[in-house]
Amino acid sequence: MTVKELAEHFGLKILAGENSLDRPVSGGYTCDLLSWAVARLPADAAWLTVMGNINAIAVASLKDAACIILTDSAPLDIPALEKARELSFPVLLSEQDSFTLGARIEGLLY
């Protein structure tokens, strides 16, 4: 499944990275602690978090995640949006909480 297919399937709003939506998604990861994500976020994963700051973009990019999905309608701050656009890194937005959306993604991917 690609980031674009994931976004379409779950009705996620695309905030950044429109040119990188063909990236494959092989799994998911839910975490709101940057140091924890640095140690455990798998490559090609959709990262579900409420952290919409530039540090989250840096971690996701460093770990080669497929995308960030901001859950609970968490905001993406301006510096993070600018960096995601600069990197063409996909950032999506969901009204659902991380637990609910993560369970739905797990059911779709596995």
C-alpha atoms as a PDB file:
ATOM      1  CA  MET A   1       0.000   0.000   0.000  1.00  0.00           C
ATOM      2  CA  THR A   2       1.225   3.520  -0.724  1.00  0.00           C
ATOM      3  CA  VAL A   3       0.886   6.667   1.366  1.00  0.00           C
ATOM      4  CA  LYS A   4      -1.643   7.945  -1.195  1.00  0.00           C
ATOM      5  CA  GLU A   5      -3.759   4.781  -0.952  1.00  0.00           C
ATOM      6  CA  LEU A   6      -3.621   4.951   2.838  1.00  0.00           C
ATOM      7  CA  ALA A   7      -4.729   8.596   2.782  1.00  0.00           C
ATOM      8  CA  GLU A   8      -7.584   7.860   0.395  1.00  0.00           C
ATOM      9  CA  HIS A   9      -8.748   4.766   2.266  1.00  0.00           C
ATOM     10  CA  PHE A  10      -8.968   6.544   5.624  1.00  0.00           C
ATOM     11  CA  GLY A  11      -9.921  10.006   4.380  1.00  0.00           C
ATOM     12  CA  LEU A  12      -6.720  11.595   5.677  1.00  0.00           C
ATOM     13  CA  LYS A  13      -5.941  15.199   4.825  1.00  0.00           C
ATOM     14  CA  ILE A  14      -2.594  15.711   3.093  1.00  0.00           C
ATOM     15  CA  LEU A  15      -0.695  18.587   4.720  1.00  0.00           C
ATOM     16  CA  ALA A  16       2.701  18.161   3.023  1.00  0.00           C
ATOM     17  CA  GLY A  17       4.657  15.857   0.744  1.00  0.00           C
ATOM     18  CA  GLU A  18       2.191  15.698  -2.130  1.00  0.00           C
ATOM     19  CA  ASN A  19       5.039  14.653  -4.459  1.00  0.00           C
ATOM     20  CA  SER A  20       6.001  11.655  -2.305  1.00  0.00           C
ATOM     21  CA  LEU A  21       2.665   9.911  -1.902  1.00  0.00           C
ATOM     22  CA  ASP A  22       3.778   6.918  -3.954  1.00  0.00           C
ATOM     23  CA  ARG A  23       6.011   5.817  -1.070  1.00  0.00           C
ATOM     24  CA  PRO A  24       5.166   2.277   0.135  1.00  0.00           C
ATOM     25  CA  VAL A  25       3.856   1.809   3.671  1.00  0.00           C
ATOM     26  CA  SER A  26       4.860  -1.519   5.195  1.00  0.00           C
ATOM     27  CA  GLY A  27       3.542  -1.007   8.711  1.00  0.00           C
ATOM     28  CA  GLY A  28       2.729   1.469  11.401  1.00  0.00           C
ATOM     29  CA  TYR A  29       4.145   2.836  14.623  1.00  0.00           C
ATOM     30  CA  THR A  30       2.484   4.858  17.384  1.00  0.00           C
ATOM     31  CA  CYS A  31       4.555   6.947  19.748  1.00  0.00           C
ATOM     32  CA  ASP A  32       4.603  10.486  21.151  1.00  0.00           C
ATOM     33  CA  LEU A  33       8.103  10.499  22.613  1.00  0.00           C
ATOM     34  CA  LEU A  34      10.870  11.531  20.213  1.00  0.00           C
ATOM     35  CA  SER A  35      13.698   9.592  21.849  1.00  0.00           C
ATOM     36  CA  TRP A  36      11.545   6.451  21.843  1.00  0.00           C
ATOM     37  CA  ALA A  37      10.715   6.936  18.155  1.00  0.00           C
ATOM     38  CA  VAL A  38      14.388   7.475  17.308  1.00  0.00           C
ATOM     39  CA  ALA A  39      15.178   4.086  18.799  1.00  0.00           C
ATOM     40  CA  ARG A  40      12.197   2.141  17.427  1.00  0.00           C
ATOM     41  CA  LEU A  41      10.460   3.755  14.427  1.00  0.00           C
ATOM     42  CA  PRO A  42      10.813   1.310  11.511  1.00  0.00           C
ATOM     43  CA  ALA A  43      11.641   2.385   7.979  1.00  0.00           C
ATOM     44  CA  ASP A  44       8.617   2.587   5.654  1.00  0.00           C
ATOM     45  CA  ALA A  45       6.216   2.874   8.609  1.00  0.00           C
ATOM     46  CA  ALA A  46       3.330   5.285   8.972  1.00  0.00           C
ATOM     47  CA  TRP A  47       4.096   7.088  12.242  1.00  0.00           C
ATOM     48  CA  LEU A  48       0.967   7.986  14.208  1.00  0.00           C
ATOM     49  CA  THR A  49       1.593  10.807  16.651  1.00  0.00           C
ATOM     50  CA  VAL A  50       0.265  14.091  17.985  1.00  0.00           C
ATOM     51  CA  MET A  51       3.673  15.742  17.685  1.00  0.00           C
ATOM     52  CA  GLY A  52       3.453  18.239  14.852  1.00  0.00           C
ATOM     53  CA  ASN A  53       6.767  19.967  15.363  1.00  0.00           C
ATOM     54  CA  ILE A  54       9.977  20.211  13.364  1.00  0.00           C
ATOM     55  CA  ASN A  55      11.667  17.601  15.567  1.00  0.00           C
ATOM     56  CA  ALA A  56       9.074  15.012  14.543  1.00  0.00           C
ATOM     57  CA  ILE A  57       9.818  15.748  10.881  1.00  0.00           C
ATOM     58  CA  ALA A  58      13.537  15.322  11.581  1.00  0.00           C
ATOM     59  CA  VAL A  59      13.045  11.989  13.342  1.00  0.00           C
ATOM     60  CA  ALA A  60      10.706  10.623  10.666  1.00  0.00           C
ATOM     61  CA  SER A  61      13.118  11.634   7.938  1.00  0.00           C
ATOM     62  CA  LEU A  62      16.134  10.247   9.808  1.00  0.00           C
ATOM     63  CA  LYS A  63      14.387   6.920  10.380  1.00  0.00           C
ATOM     64  CA  ASP A  64      13.130   6.799   6.750  1.00  0.00           C
ATOM     65  CA  ALA A  65       9.479   6.528   7.780  1.00  0.00           C
ATOM     66  CA  ALA A  66       6.923   6.530   4.972  1.00  0.00           C
ATOM     67  CA  CYS A  67       4.885   9.349   6.508  1.00  0.00           C
ATOM     68  CA  ILE A  68       3.660  11.003   9.665  1.00  0.00           C
ATOM     69  CA  ILE A  69      -0.041  10.866  10.469  1.00  0.00           C
ATOM     70  CA  LEU A  70      -1.067  13.480  12.986  1.00  0.00           C
ATOM     71  CA  THR A  71      -3.958  12.058  14.970  1.00  0.00           C
ATOM     72  CA  ASP A  72      -6.661  13.718  17.083  1.00  0.00           C
ATOM     73  CA  SER A  73      -6.519  16.682  14.669  1.00  0.00           C
ATOM     74  CA  ALA A  74      -3.167  17.649  16.195  1.00  0.00           C
ATOM     75  CA  PRO A  75      -1.746  20.796  14.612  1.00  0.00           C
ATOM     76  CA  LEU A  76       1.339  20.924  12.426  1.00  0.00           C
ATOM     77  CA  ASP A  77       3.291  24.035  13.342  1.00  0.00           C
ATOM     78  CA  ILE A  78       4.624  26.377  10.641  1.00  0.00           C
ATOM     79  CA  PRO A  79       8.345  25.457  10.935  1.00  0.00           C
ATOM     80  CA  ALA A  80       7.402  21.756  10.690  1.00  0.00           C
ATOM     81  CA  LEU A  81       5.180  22.387   7.678  1.00  0.00           C
ATOM     82  CA  GLU A  82       7.939  24.324   5.947  1.00  0.00           C
ATOM     83  CA  LYS A  83      10.518  21.576   6.646  1.00  0.00           C
ATOM     84  CA  ALA A  84       8.146  18.810   5.492  1.00  0.00           C
ATOM     85  CA  ARG A  85       7.532  20.722   2.267  1.00  0.00           C
ATOM     86  CA  GLU A  86      11.265  21.332   1.800  1.00  0.00           C
ATOM     87  CA  LEU A  87      11.944  17.603   2.219  1.00  0.00           C
ATOM     88  CA  SER A  88       8.799  16.597   0.314  1.00  0.00           C
ATOM     89  CA  PHE A  89       7.974  14.446   3.340  1.00  0.00           C
ATOM     90  CA  PRO A  90       4.341  13.270   3.607  1.00  0.00           C
ATOM     91  CA  VAL A  91       2.433  14.542   6.627  1.00  0.00           C
ATOM     92  CA  LEU A  92      -1.217  13.552   6.909  1.00  0.00           C
ATOM     93  CA  LEU A  93      -3.947  14.552   9.333  1.00  0.00           C
ATOM     94  CA  SER A  94      -6.690  12.475  10.943  1.00  0.00           C
ATOM     95  CA  GLU A  95      -9.509  13.360  13.314  1.00  0.00           C
ATOM     96  CA  GLN A  96      -9.276   9.855  14.798  1.00  0.00           C
ATOM     97  CA  ASP A  97      -7.185   9.039  17.847  1.00  0.00           C
ATOM     98  CA  SER A  98      -3.972   7.029  17.471  1.00  0.00           C
ATOM     99  CA  PHE A  99      -5.400   3.838  18.973  1.00  0.00           C
ATOM    100  CA  THR A 100      -8.429   3.720  16.665  1.00  0.00           C
ATOM    101  CA  LEU A 101      -6.595   4.651  13.491  1.00  0.00           C
ATOM    102  CA  GLY A 102      -3.675   2.362  14.304  1.00  0.00           C
ATOM    103  CA  ALA A 103      -6.015  -0.595  14.762  1.00  0.00           C
ATOM    104  CA  ARG A 104      -7.703   0.188  11.455  1.00  0.00           C
ATOM    105  CA  ILE A 105      -4.361   0.455   9.641  1.00  0.00           C
ATOM    106  CA  GLU A 106      -3.175  -2.792  11.199  1.00  0.00           C
ATOM    107  CA  GLY A 107      -6.309  -4.527   9.978  1.00  0.00           C
ATOM    108  CA  LEU A 108      -5.717  -3.238   6.466  1.00  0.00           C
ATOM    109  CA  LEU A 109      -2.007  -3.993   6.186  1.00  0.00           C
ATOM    110  CA  TYR A 110      -1.791  -7.375   7.900  1.00  0.00           C
END
